[in-house]
Amino acid sequence: MPVTSQLLRGLPRAKLLASGLLPFQQHQSQLGPITNRPPSRWPSRVSQSHQHSRSYQTTSELRSYILTPPQVNSILKANEYSFKVPEFDGKNVSSVMGFESNQLPANAPIEDRRSAATCLQTRGMLLGVFDGHAGCACAQALSERLFYYIAVSLLPHDTLCELEAAVEAGRALSPILQWHKHPNDYFSKEAQTLYFNSLRTYWQELIDLTSPGDVPDTHEALLNAFKRLDNDISLEAQVGDPNAFLNYWVLRVAFSGATACVAHIDGSDLYIANSGDARAVLGVQEEDGSFTAHTLSNDHSAQNEEEVARIRAEHPPSEKKTVIRQDRLLGLLMPLRAFGDVKFKWSIELQKCVLESGPDQLHENEHCKFIPPNYHTPPYLTAEPEITHHKLRPQDRFMVIGSDGLWETLHRQEVVRIVGEYITGVSQRQPLKVGGYKVSLGQMQELLDERKARESSAFEDQNSATHLIRHSVGNNEFGTVDHERLSKMLSLPEELARMYRDDITIIISQFNPHVIGAQRQDGQS
């Protein structure tokens, strides 16, 4: 038996809970009233007593399922994807060498989505993670639509006119995006005509608002794309659709919600547009070979004092104590910016009008049937992104975009260390920590031997995002992957998995330091 297991068997359950080995290792102060489950973005309608009765049974459940290493690998690799930017004449001229992504569900079905695409009419690559709540509909819509709105916003006036002329004449349109999608990444064929018509209306308005020779500003393009798509989601739900399926779909999209963290990379210019609590972090390689984390986005949550102050300033002083309650918007929603979520944006009259005329299925949705408490001066929520710009440097080696399911389990510095060691193949050994437990010299030697054995097989993953998920779910209190823990976490039944962790979605892009260095020199000359 591994010495780690020997050490754990002698510990009381309270100690295991504190160490994160029974249920869910939490590194941020975001836990709701049930302390051994990750917080849901919407409060559960299930009673707390029932939730507790379920959580008390999980220890025996965890012991019931032990997966073999091949089975674990099969689960972890099911949704992995990689893309390498092609080289031209043997020389890669892109600042992005490629990217790798993966997803691990906790919800059934998974509420996270991811997107990656190359802009064909302009330069640049788009990468995005979308974290849904109250269902997956809004995140699904964002994964299909947001990049088109961004790409159109980046087009010059003349190109927009060419697009409109082609549609008017019935000619085939030049592609705007080259998608990089996993076979499991779903596209809604039924909604494509609706989506196209809304996008066309947007570029027609851009034509009217711009002049020949105008060069779009990336910051403004990202800002406008986010705000316009959220507005279109709201408008489509209000107008409805004669097709019964689409009518129900647009309402599902609007009444659910999703956060979005999107990167636009063009040469050495890196822009992050973030709305919600997904996060982008840069991995910077220092002169000694170690990696440090540089955060590129701010979480829009109650832990962000500036964000809380912004929301309170938008509403009367009488609502100061109610607009943010228990670290949630109106006591209900954890992210303080999001797409959809019209329950926090529409007036009470509009909500009732749309629901009364909506399909019967919508009335069965628990998130549509109630008005948030203390709902006096909507809107309380916005999808407007916070945009940051970073000029890439040769030491900026990679970027990690992850949904909050990743950052709840691993600190950003640990994330960067794990990915940096994977990419370089060099392990930056840390002092072995045993968390205050009494360990004999013999047990310490066994721990060191175990760590050495794990390091020899640490790079068996062919995908850096998969490798990071393996650590996120399987790390023990010593900071190393414990196969037994990983196996148990991956074999949890659907009704228990969300009590231990959230959906995890990761995109890791790797940068080309030689190209970035040359671009910086050209810019300075």
Protein backbone atom coordinates (compact mmCIF):
# COMPACT_ATOMS: atom_id res chain seq x y z
CA MET A 1 0.00 0.00 0.00
CA PRO A 2 1.41 3.49 -0.90
CA VAL A 3 2.57 5.44 2.10
CA THR A 4 0.16 8.25 1.24
CA SER A 5 -2.77 5.88 1.78
CA GLN A 6 -1.23 4.64 5.03
CA LEU A 7 -1.00 8.20 6.32
CA LEU A 8 -4.59 8.96 5.37
CA ARG A 9 -6.17 5.89 6.95
CA GLY A 10 -5.21 7.10 10.42
CA LEU A 11 -6.72 10.55 10.00
CA PRO A 12 -10.19 11.44 11.29
CA ARG A 13 -12.86 12.46 8.77
CA ALA A 14 -12.70 16.10 9.91
CA LYS A 15 -9.02 16.23 9.03
CA LEU A 16 -9.70 14.72 5.62
CA LEU A 17 -12.37 17.32 4.94
CA ALA A 18 -10.01 20.10 6.01
CA SER A 19 -7.25 18.79 3.76
CA GLY A 20 -9.56 18.63 0.77
CA LEU A 21 -9.35 14.86 0.25
CA LEU A 22 -13.02 14.36 1.08
CA PRO A 23 -15.18 16.17 -0.82
CA PHE A 24 -13.77 18.93 -3.04
CA GLN A 25 -10.53 20.75 -2.42
CA GLN A 26 -11.41 24.42 -2.18
CA HIS A 27 -8.75 27.13 -2.33
CA GLN A 28 -10.94 30.21 -2.46
CA SER A 29 -13.45 31.57 0.03
CA GLN A 30 -16.45 31.01 -2.24
CA LEU A 31 -18.17 28.17 -0.43
CA GLY A 32 -21.89 28.46 0.08
CA PRO A 33 -23.79 27.24 3.11
CA ILE A 34 -22.95 23.60 2.35
CA THR A 35 -19.25 23.65 3.06
CA ASN A 36 -18.24 20.42 1.35
CA ARG A 37 -19.51 21.14 -2.13
CA PRO A 38 -18.47 23.76 -4.70
CA PRO A 39 -20.85 26.71 -4.88
CA SER A 40 -23.52 26.64 -7.54
CA ARG A 41 -23.91 29.89 -9.46
CA TRP A 42 -27.66 29.65 -8.79
CA PRO A 43 -28.85 28.61 -5.32
CA SER A 44 -30.18 25.09 -5.32
CA ARG A 45 -33.93 24.63 -4.97
CA VAL A 46 -33.26 21.41 -3.08
CA SER A 47 -33.47 21.76 0.68
CA GLN A 48 -30.21 21.96 2.60
CA SER A 49 -31.20 19.04 4.80
CA HIS A 50 -31.53 16.84 1.76
CA GLN A 51 -28.21 18.05 0.39
CA HIS A 52 -26.52 17.20 3.67
CA SER A 53 -28.07 13.75 3.81
CA ARG A 54 -26.63 13.05 0.38
CA SER A 55 -23.20 14.38 1.23
CA TYR A 56 -22.90 12.19 4.33
CA GLN A 57 -23.18 9.09 2.12
CA THR A 58 -20.36 10.01 -0.21
CA THR A 59 -17.50 8.37 1.68
CA SER A 60 -18.88 4.90 1.03
CA GLU A 61 -19.73 5.89 -2.53
CA LEU A 62 -16.15 6.98 -3.11
CA ARG A 63 -14.83 3.61 -1.98
CA SER A 64 -17.17 1.74 -4.30
CA TYR A 65 -15.58 2.74 -7.59
CA ILE A 66 -11.93 2.24 -8.45
CA LEU A 67 -10.92 2.86 -12.05
CA THR A 68 -7.80 1.44 -13.66
CA PRO A 69 -5.21 3.87 -15.08
CA PRO A 70 -6.35 3.16 -18.69
CA GLN A 71 -9.94 3.90 -17.68
CA VAL A 72 -8.88 7.14 -16.01
CA ASN A 73 -6.94 8.15 -19.12
CA SER A 74 -9.93 7.36 -21.33
CA ILE A 75 -12.16 9.70 -19.31
CA LEU A 76 -9.58 12.49 -19.11
CA LYS A 77 -8.75 12.39 -22.83
CA ALA A 78 -12.30 12.09 -24.18
CA ASN A 79 -12.64 15.82 -24.95
CA GLU A 80 -9.03 16.85 -25.54
CA TYR A 81 -8.15 18.83 -28.66
CA SER A 82 -4.97 20.32 -30.06
CA PHE A 83 -4.14 22.62 -32.95
CA LYS A 84 -0.73 23.57 -34.29
CA VAL A 85 -0.43 26.75 -36.34
CA PRO A 86 1.00 25.67 -39.73
CA GLU A 87 4.44 26.86 -40.75
CA PHE A 88 5.00 28.76 -43.96
CA ASP A 89 8.17 27.99 -45.94
CA GLY A 90 9.60 26.34 -42.86
CA LYS A 91 9.23 29.48 -40.78
CA ASN A 92 6.35 30.01 -38.37
CA VAL A 93 5.29 33.65 -38.70
CA SER A 94 2.60 33.52 -36.02
CA SER A 95 3.15 34.55 -32.43
CA VAL A 96 0.92 31.59 -31.49
CA MET A 97 2.54 28.20 -32.01
CA GLY A 98 -0.72 26.41 -31.25
CA PHE A 99 -3.13 25.58 -28.46
CA GLU A 100 -4.48 22.61 -26.55
CA SER A 101 -7.83 22.35 -24.81
CA ASN A 102 -9.95 19.95 -22.80
CA GLN A 103 -13.13 19.69 -20.76
CA LEU A 104 -14.19 17.53 -17.83
CA PRO A 105 -17.91 17.52 -16.96
CA ALA A 106 -19.35 17.64 -13.46
CA ASN A 107 -22.85 18.72 -14.46
CA ALA A 108 -24.90 16.40 -16.65
CA PRO A 109 -24.93 17.69 -19.30
CA ILE A 110 -21.83 19.86 -19.02
CA GLU A 111 -22.65 23.59 -18.83
CA ASP A 112 -19.22 24.83 -20.00
CA ARG A 113 -18.38 25.51 -23.64
CA ARG A 114 -15.17 26.43 -25.49
CA SER A 115 -14.36 27.98 -28.85
CA ALA A 116 -11.27 28.59 -30.95
CA ALA A 117 -11.01 30.15 -34.38
CA THR A 118 -8.67 32.00 -36.72
CA CYS A 119 -9.92 35.30 -38.18
CA LEU A 120 -9.59 34.95 -41.97
CA GLN A 121 -10.49 38.48 -43.08
CA THR A 122 -8.18 40.07 -40.53
CA ARG A 123 -5.20 38.71 -38.63
CA GLY A 124 -5.44 37.12 -35.26
CA MET A 125 -6.71 34.13 -33.31
CA LEU A 126 -9.69 33.96 -30.97
CA LEU A 127 -9.86 31.64 -27.95
CA GLY A 128 -12.76 31.56 -25.50
CA VAL A 129 -14.18 29.74 -22.49
CA PHE A 130 -17.88 30.08 -21.64
CA ASP A 131 -19.19 28.94 -18.26
CA GLY A 132 -22.95 28.42 -18.20
CA HIS A 133 -25.38 28.38 -15.31
CA ALA A 134 -29.08 27.50 -15.02
CA GLY A 135 -28.46 25.21 -17.97
CA CYS A 136 -26.11 25.11 -20.95
CA ALA A 137 -28.23 27.02 -23.51
CA CYS A 138 -26.63 30.45 -23.12
CA ALA A 139 -23.07 29.10 -23.09
CA GLN A 140 -23.90 27.07 -26.21
CA ALA A 141 -25.16 30.17 -28.01
CA LEU A 142 -22.05 32.14 -27.06
CA SER A 143 -19.74 29.39 -28.31
CA GLU A 144 -21.42 29.60 -31.74
CA ARG A 145 -22.05 33.34 -32.05
CA LEU A 146 -19.67 35.57 -30.11
CA PHE A 147 -16.64 35.07 -32.36
CA TYR A 148 -18.69 36.07 -35.42
CA TYR A 149 -19.72 39.29 -33.69
CA ILE A 150 -16.09 39.98 -32.78
CA ALA A 151 -14.84 39.16 -36.29
CA VAL A 152 -17.46 41.43 -37.90
CA SER A 153 -16.60 44.21 -35.44
CA LEU A 154 -12.95 43.97 -36.56
CA LEU A 155 -13.75 44.25 -40.29
CA PRO A 156 -13.01 47.54 -42.07
CA HIS A 157 -15.87 49.45 -43.68
CA ASP A 158 -15.09 48.31 -47.23
CA THR A 159 -15.08 44.62 -46.30
CA LEU A 160 -18.42 45.00 -44.51
CA CYS A 161 -19.84 46.55 -47.69
CA GLU A 162 -18.52 43.61 -49.73
CA LEU A 163 -20.23 41.19 -47.36
CA GLU A 164 -23.56 43.00 -47.65
CA ALA A 165 -23.29 43.21 -51.44
CA ALA A 166 -22.65 39.46 -51.66
CA VAL A 167 -25.75 38.70 -49.57
CA GLU A 168 -27.87 41.09 -51.64
CA ALA A 169 -26.70 39.45 -54.88
CA GLY A 170 -27.11 35.93 -53.53
CA ARG A 171 -23.42 35.16 -53.95
CA ALA A 172 -21.41 32.89 -51.67
CA LEU A 173 -19.82 34.74 -48.77
CA SER A 174 -16.10 34.69 -48.14
CA PRO A 175 -15.44 32.82 -44.87
CA ILE A 176 -14.91 35.04 -41.85
CA LEU A 177 -13.64 32.40 -39.40
CA GLN A 178 -11.75 29.14 -39.56
CA TRP A 179 -13.06 27.11 -36.63
CA HIS A 180 -10.90 24.70 -34.65
CA LYS A 181 -13.44 22.37 -33.08
CA HIS A 182 -13.50 19.03 -31.31
CA PRO A 183 -16.01 16.54 -32.79
CA ASN A 184 -17.99 16.77 -29.54
CA ASP A 185 -18.35 20.56 -29.84
CA TYR A 186 -22.00 20.94 -30.84
CA PHE A 187 -23.43 23.42 -33.38
CA SER A 188 -27.17 24.16 -33.49
CA LYS A 189 -28.13 23.81 -37.15
CA GLU A 190 -31.75 24.79 -36.49
CA ALA A 191 -30.79 28.25 -35.24
CA GLN A 192 -28.26 29.21 -37.92
CA THR A 193 -30.69 31.27 -40.03
CA LEU A 194 -31.86 33.21 -36.97
CA TYR A 195 -28.26 33.79 -35.88
CA PHE A 196 -27.21 34.92 -39.36
CA ASN A 197 -30.07 37.40 -39.67
CA SER A 198 -29.18 39.01 -36.35
CA LEU A 199 -25.49 39.17 -37.32
CA ARG A 200 -26.38 40.73 -40.68
CA THR A 201 -28.46 43.41 -39.00
CA TYR A 202 -25.43 44.19 -36.83
CA TRP A 203 -23.01 44.59 -39.74
CA GLN A 204 -25.55 46.72 -41.60
CA GLU A 205 -25.58 49.10 -38.64
CA LEU A 206 -21.76 49.07 -38.57
CA ILE A 207 -21.75 50.08 -42.24
CA ASP A 208 -23.97 53.05 -41.40
CA LEU A 209 -21.80 54.03 -38.44
CA THR A 210 -18.39 53.82 -40.17
CA SER A 211 -16.74 55.49 -43.14
CA PRO A 212 -14.44 54.23 -45.93
CA GLY A 213 -10.88 53.92 -44.65
CA ASP A 214 -11.88 53.53 -41.01
CA VAL A 215 -9.68 51.03 -39.13
CA PRO A 216 -11.51 49.30 -36.27
CA ASP A 217 -10.03 49.55 -32.79
CA THR A 218 -9.64 46.13 -31.16
CA HIS A 219 -10.72 47.34 -27.73
CA GLU A 220 -13.89 48.91 -29.11
CA ALA A 221 -14.57 45.91 -31.32
CA LEU A 222 -14.50 43.51 -28.39
CA LEU A 223 -16.62 45.81 -26.25
CA ASN A 224 -19.25 46.31 -28.95
CA ALA A 225 -19.40 42.62 -29.85
CA PHE A 226 -20.09 41.52 -26.28
CA LYS A 227 -22.75 44.16 -25.68
CA ARG A 228 -24.47 43.67 -29.05
CA LEU A 229 -24.72 39.89 -28.77
CA ASP A 230 -26.22 40.14 -25.28
CA ASN A 231 -28.69 42.69 -26.59
CA ASP A 232 -29.61 40.38 -29.49
CA ILE A 233 -30.13 37.44 -27.10
CA SER A 234 -32.56 39.60 -25.14
CA LEU A 235 -34.35 40.94 -28.20
CA GLU A 236 -34.77 37.52 -29.83
CA ALA A 237 -36.42 36.22 -26.67
CA GLN A 238 -38.83 39.17 -26.57
CA VAL A 239 -39.81 38.89 -30.23
CA GLY A 240 -40.07 35.10 -30.25
CA ASP A 241 -40.15 32.89 -33.34
CA PRO A 242 -42.99 31.20 -35.26
CA ASN A 243 -41.01 27.96 -35.18
CA ALA A 244 -41.95 26.24 -31.90
CA PHE A 245 -38.47 24.78 -31.35
CA LEU A 246 -36.68 28.09 -31.98
CA ASN A 247 -39.21 29.98 -29.86
CA TYR A 248 -38.43 27.72 -26.90
CA TRP A 249 -34.69 27.79 -27.66
CA VAL A 250 -34.29 31.59 -27.67
CA LEU A 251 -36.13 31.75 -24.35
CA ARG A 252 -33.91 29.04 -22.85
CA VAL A 253 -30.83 30.99 -23.98
CA ALA A 254 -32.11 34.25 -22.48
CA PHE A 255 -33.28 32.82 -19.14
CA SER A 256 -30.10 30.82 -18.58
CA GLY A 257 -26.76 32.60 -18.34
CA ALA A 258 -23.06 32.32 -19.07
CA THR A 259 -19.80 34.08 -18.34
CA ALA A 260 -17.22 34.59 -21.08
CA CYS A 261 -13.45 34.99 -21.15
CA VAL A 262 -12.10 35.60 -24.66
CA ALA A 263 -8.56 36.20 -25.92
CA HIS A 264 -7.74 37.90 -29.21
CA ILE A 265 -4.09 37.43 -30.21
CA ASP A 266 -2.70 39.38 -33.16
CA GLY A 267 1.09 39.47 -33.40
CA SER A 268 2.41 40.65 -30.06
CA ASP A 269 -0.92 42.26 -29.11
CA LEU A 270 -2.93 40.18 -26.64
CA TYR A 271 -6.39 41.39 -25.67
CA ILE A 272 -8.55 39.75 -23.01
CA ALA A 273 -12.27 40.49 -22.84
CA ASN A 274 -13.78 39.07 -19.67
CA SER A 275 -17.30 39.09 -18.33
CA GLY A 276 -17.73 36.95 -15.22
CA ASP A 277 -15.46 34.67 -13.23
CA ALA A 278 -13.59 32.63 -15.81
CA ARG A 279 -9.94 33.67 -15.83
CA ALA A 280 -6.92 34.15 -18.10
CA VAL A 281 -3.40 33.79 -16.70
CA LEU A 282 -0.06 34.22 -18.43
CA GLY A 283 2.87 31.88 -17.77
CA VAL A 284 6.07 33.95 -17.63
CA GLN A 285 9.44 32.17 -17.66
CA GLU A 286 12.03 33.79 -15.41
CA GLU A 287 15.79 33.80 -16.01
CA ASP A 288 16.30 30.82 -13.68
CA GLY A 289 13.83 28.75 -15.72
CA SER A 290 10.99 28.90 -13.19
CA PHE A 291 7.53 30.20 -14.09
CA THR A 292 5.47 32.95 -12.50
CA ALA A 293 1.80 33.75 -13.03
CA HIS A 294 0.65 37.06 -14.48
CA THR A 295 -3.13 37.47 -14.19
CA LEU A 296 -4.70 38.97 -17.30
CA SER A 297 -8.30 39.29 -16.10
CA ASN A 298 -10.22 40.20 -12.98
CA ASP A 299 -12.95 38.00 -11.54
CA HIS A 300 -16.32 39.72 -11.46
CA SER A 301 -17.45 38.33 -8.14
CA ALA A 302 -18.18 39.58 -4.64
CA GLN A 303 -14.49 39.15 -3.78
CA ASN A 304 -13.75 42.00 -6.22
CA GLU A 305 -14.34 45.15 -4.14
CA GLU A 306 -14.28 47.44 -7.18
CA GLU A 307 -16.96 45.35 -8.87
CA VAL A 308 -19.17 45.43 -5.78
CA ALA A 309 -18.72 49.21 -5.56
CA ARG A 310 -19.64 49.58 -9.25
CA ILE A 311 -22.91 47.70 -8.81
CA ARG A 312 -23.88 49.55 -5.64
CA ALA A 313 -23.19 52.89 -7.34
CA GLU A 314 -25.66 51.99 -10.12
CA HIS A 315 -28.59 51.63 -7.68
CA PRO A 316 -30.18 53.83 -4.98
CA PRO A 317 -28.60 53.97 -1.50
CA SER A 318 -31.69 52.18 -0.15
CA GLU A 319 -30.52 49.04 -1.99
CA LYS A 320 -26.96 49.09 -0.67
CA LYS A 321 -27.56 46.16 1.70
CA THR A 322 -29.66 44.06 -0.68
CA VAL A 323 -28.00 44.35 -4.08
CA ILE A 324 -25.14 42.07 -2.92
CA ARG A 325 -26.14 39.54 -0.28
CA GLN A 326 -24.22 36.45 0.85
CA ASP A 327 -21.62 37.23 -1.85
CA ARG A 328 -24.26 36.93 -4.59
CA LEU A 329 -26.13 39.38 -6.78
CA LEU A 330 -29.49 39.90 -5.01
CA GLY A 331 -28.51 36.90 -2.90
CA LEU A 332 -28.79 34.58 -5.93
CA LEU A 333 -26.12 34.84 -8.63
CA MET A 334 -22.38 34.45 -8.02
CA PRO A 335 -20.87 36.04 -11.17
CA LEU A 336 -21.57 39.76 -11.22
CA ARG A 337 -21.38 40.02 -15.01
CA ALA A 338 -22.90 37.56 -17.47
CA PHE A 339 -24.69 37.06 -20.77
CA GLY A 340 -28.38 36.12 -20.74
CA ASP A 341 -29.84 35.99 -17.21
CA VAL A 342 -32.73 38.25 -18.21
CA LYS A 343 -34.20 37.58 -14.75
CA PHE A 344 -31.67 40.17 -13.57
CA LYS A 345 -32.09 42.57 -16.52
CA TRP A 346 -35.72 42.81 -17.61
CA SER A 347 -38.45 44.67 -15.78
CA ILE A 348 -40.93 42.56 -13.82
CA GLU A 349 -43.66 43.51 -16.29
CA LEU A 350 -41.62 42.34 -19.29
CA GLN A 351 -40.72 39.06 -17.60
CA LYS A 352 -44.35 38.29 -16.83
CA CYS A 353 -45.46 39.23 -20.35
CA VAL A 354 -42.88 37.01 -22.05
CA LEU A 355 -43.49 34.08 -19.70
CA GLU A 356 -47.27 34.26 -20.08
CA SER A 357 -47.00 34.07 -23.86
CA GLY A 358 -44.16 31.53 -23.82
CA PRO A 359 -44.35 27.76 -24.26
CA ASP A 360 -45.51 25.48 -21.43
CA GLN A 361 -42.04 23.91 -21.09
CA LEU A 362 -40.70 27.26 -19.90
CA HIS A 363 -43.08 27.25 -16.94
CA GLU A 364 -41.51 24.02 -15.73
CA ASN A 365 -38.09 25.70 -15.48
CA GLU A 366 -37.44 26.57 -11.84
CA HIS A 367 -35.26 29.54 -12.75
CA CYS A 368 -38.03 31.25 -14.73
CA LYS A 369 -40.85 31.04 -12.21
CA PHE A 370 -39.67 33.52 -9.58
CA ILE A 371 -38.71 37.18 -9.41
CA PRO A 372 -35.43 37.87 -7.54
CA PRO A 373 -35.95 39.39 -4.07
CA ASN A 374 -35.54 43.15 -3.64
CA TYR A 375 -35.94 43.62 -7.39
CA HIS A 376 -36.59 47.36 -7.67
CA THR A 377 -34.30 49.06 -10.22
CA PRO A 378 -33.26 46.67 -13.02
CA PRO A 379 -31.02 46.00 -14.80
CA TYR A 380 -28.74 44.59 -12.10
CA LEU A 381 -26.51 42.61 -14.46
CA THR A 382 -24.44 43.42 -17.55
CA ALA A 383 -22.42 41.46 -20.07
CA GLU A 384 -20.12 44.42 -20.75
CA PRO A 385 -16.58 43.01 -20.62
CA GLU A 386 -13.57 44.30 -18.79
CA ILE A 387 -10.84 44.50 -21.43
CA THR A 388 -7.11 44.31 -20.80
CA HIS A 389 -4.25 44.69 -23.29
CA HIS A 390 -0.86 43.05 -22.90
CA LYS A 391 2.13 43.40 -25.21
CA LEU A 392 3.64 39.95 -25.47
CA ARG A 393 7.33 39.52 -24.58
CA PRO A 394 9.69 36.62 -25.38
CA GLN A 395 9.47 35.42 -21.76
CA ASP A 396 5.66 35.11 -22.04
CA ARG A 397 5.58 31.41 -22.89
CA PHE A 398 1.93 30.42 -22.61
CA MET A 399 -1.55 31.48 -21.53
CA VAL A 400 -4.17 29.48 -19.63
CA ILE A 401 -7.87 30.36 -19.98
CA GLY A 402 -10.00 28.35 -17.58
CA SER A 403 -13.51 28.26 -16.19
CA ASP A 404 -13.82 28.77 -12.45
CA GLY A 405 -13.87 25.00 -11.93
CA LEU A 406 -10.10 25.07 -12.49
CA TRP A 407 -9.28 28.06 -10.30
CA GLU A 408 -11.38 26.72 -7.41
CA THR A 409 -9.07 23.72 -7.14
CA LEU A 410 -5.63 25.12 -8.06
CA HIS A 411 -3.95 28.45 -7.30
CA ARG A 412 -2.84 30.34 -10.40
CA GLN A 413 0.84 29.97 -9.47
CA GLU A 414 0.42 26.21 -9.16
CA VAL A 415 -1.36 26.14 -12.54
CA VAL A 416 1.51 27.98 -14.20
CA ARG A 417 4.12 25.75 -12.54
CA ILE A 418 2.38 22.55 -13.70
CA VAL A 419 1.98 23.78 -17.29
CA GLY A 420 5.49 25.26 -17.40
CA GLU A 421 7.06 22.00 -16.27
CA TYR A 422 4.97 20.09 -18.80
CA ILE A 423 5.95 22.34 -21.72
CA THR A 424 9.66 22.48 -20.89
CA GLY A 425 9.96 18.92 -19.57
CA VAL A 426 11.90 20.31 -16.60
CA SER A 427 10.54 19.76 -13.10
CA GLN A 428 11.09 22.63 -10.68
CA ARG A 429 11.29 20.55 -7.50
CA GLN A 430 9.62 22.06 -4.48
CA PRO A 431 10.41 21.16 -0.87
CA LEU A 432 8.29 18.17 0.16
CA LYS A 433 5.48 19.27 2.51
CA VAL A 434 3.44 16.92 4.67
CA GLY A 435 0.88 19.37 6.01
CA GLY A 436 1.76 19.08 9.69
CA TYR A 437 1.30 15.30 9.90
CA LYS A 438 3.74 13.23 11.96
CA VAL A 439 5.87 11.26 9.52
CA SER A 440 8.72 8.89 10.31
CA LEU A 441 12.00 9.00 8.37
CA GLY A 442 11.03 5.74 6.67
CA GLN A 443 7.69 7.16 5.55
CA MET A 444 9.41 10.32 4.35
CA GLN A 445 11.77 8.21 2.22
CA GLU A 446 8.78 6.37 0.76
CA LEU A 447 7.11 9.68 -0.06
CA LEU A 448 10.24 10.86 -1.86
CA ASP A 449 10.44 7.58 -3.79
CA GLU A 450 6.79 7.90 -4.76
CA ARG A 451 7.34 11.45 -6.00
CA LYS A 452 10.34 10.36 -8.06
CA ALA A 453 8.31 7.55 -9.63
CA ARG A 454 5.46 9.94 -10.43
CA GLU A 455 7.81 12.45 -12.05
CA SER A 456 9.20 9.78 -14.35
CA SER A 457 5.69 9.21 -15.73
CA ALA A 458 4.40 12.78 -15.32
CA PHE A 459 4.59 13.59 -19.01
CA GLU A 460 2.59 10.64 -20.31
CA ASP A 461 -0.20 13.06 -21.29
CA GLN A 462 0.03 14.28 -24.87
CA ASN A 463 -2.06 17.35 -24.11
CA SER A 464 -1.14 20.06 -21.59
CA ALA A 465 -4.80 20.80 -20.76
CA THR A 466 -5.37 17.13 -19.97
CA HIS A 467 -2.28 17.16 -17.79
CA LEU A 468 -3.60 20.19 -15.90
CA ILE A 469 -7.04 18.61 -15.39
CA ARG A 470 -5.33 15.48 -14.04
CA HIS A 471 -3.66 17.64 -11.38
CA SER A 472 -6.77 19.71 -10.74
CA VAL A 473 -8.88 16.66 -9.90
CA GLY A 474 -6.22 14.28 -8.57
CA ASN A 475 -3.84 16.41 -6.53
CA ASN A 476 -3.46 15.40 -2.89
CA GLU A 477 -2.30 17.56 0.01
CA PHE A 478 1.32 16.99 -1.03
CA GLY A 479 0.68 18.69 -4.40
CA THR A 480 1.09 15.53 -6.45
CA VAL A 481 -1.42 13.39 -8.37
CA ASP A 482 -2.83 10.55 -6.31
CA HIS A 483 -4.26 7.88 -8.61
CA GLU A 484 -6.68 6.56 -5.99
CA ARG A 485 -8.13 10.02 -5.39
CA LEU A 486 -8.28 10.72 -9.13
CA SER A 487 -10.04 7.41 -9.76
CA LYS A 488 -12.64 8.05 -7.09
CA MET A 489 -13.35 11.59 -8.24
CA LEU A 490 -13.83 10.47 -11.85
CA SER A 491 -16.11 7.56 -10.92
CA LEU A 492 -18.61 9.61 -8.90
CA PRO A 493 -22.22 9.15 -10.07
CA GLU A 494 -23.73 12.09 -11.93
CA GLU A 495 -25.89 13.11 -8.97
CA LEU A 496 -22.80 13.36 -6.73
CA ALA A 497 -20.11 14.77 -9.03
CA ARG A 498 -21.34 18.39 -8.79
CA MET A 499 -21.12 18.20 -5.00
CA TYR A 500 -17.36 17.66 -5.25
CA ARG A 501 -16.31 19.90 -8.13
CA ASP A 502 -17.50 22.06 -11.00
CA ASP A 503 -17.20 21.60 -14.76
CA ILE A 504 -13.62 22.29 -15.84
CA THR A 505 -12.74 23.78 -19.23
CA ILE A 506 -9.19 24.77 -20.17
CA ILE A 507 -7.49 26.28 -23.22
CA ILE A 508 -3.69 26.59 -23.17
CA SER A 509 -2.02 28.57 -25.95
CA GLN A 510 1.73 28.42 -26.43
CA PHE A 511 3.59 31.44 -27.77
CA ASN A 512 6.58 31.63 -30.12
CA PRO A 513 9.28 33.67 -28.32
CA HIS A 514 11.41 34.06 -31.47
CA VAL A 515 8.58 35.58 -33.50
CA ILE A 516 7.51 37.81 -30.60
CA GLY A 517 11.07 39.00 -30.09
CA ALA A 518 11.42 39.87 -33.78
CA GLN A 519 8.07 41.68 -33.80
CA ARG A 520 9.06 43.75 -30.80
CA GLN A 521 12.34 44.72 -32.48
CA ASP A 522 10.49 45.69 -35.67
CA GLY A 523 8.08 47.79 -33.62
CA GLN A 524 10.94 49.65 -31.92
CA SER A 525 12.91 50.31 -35.08
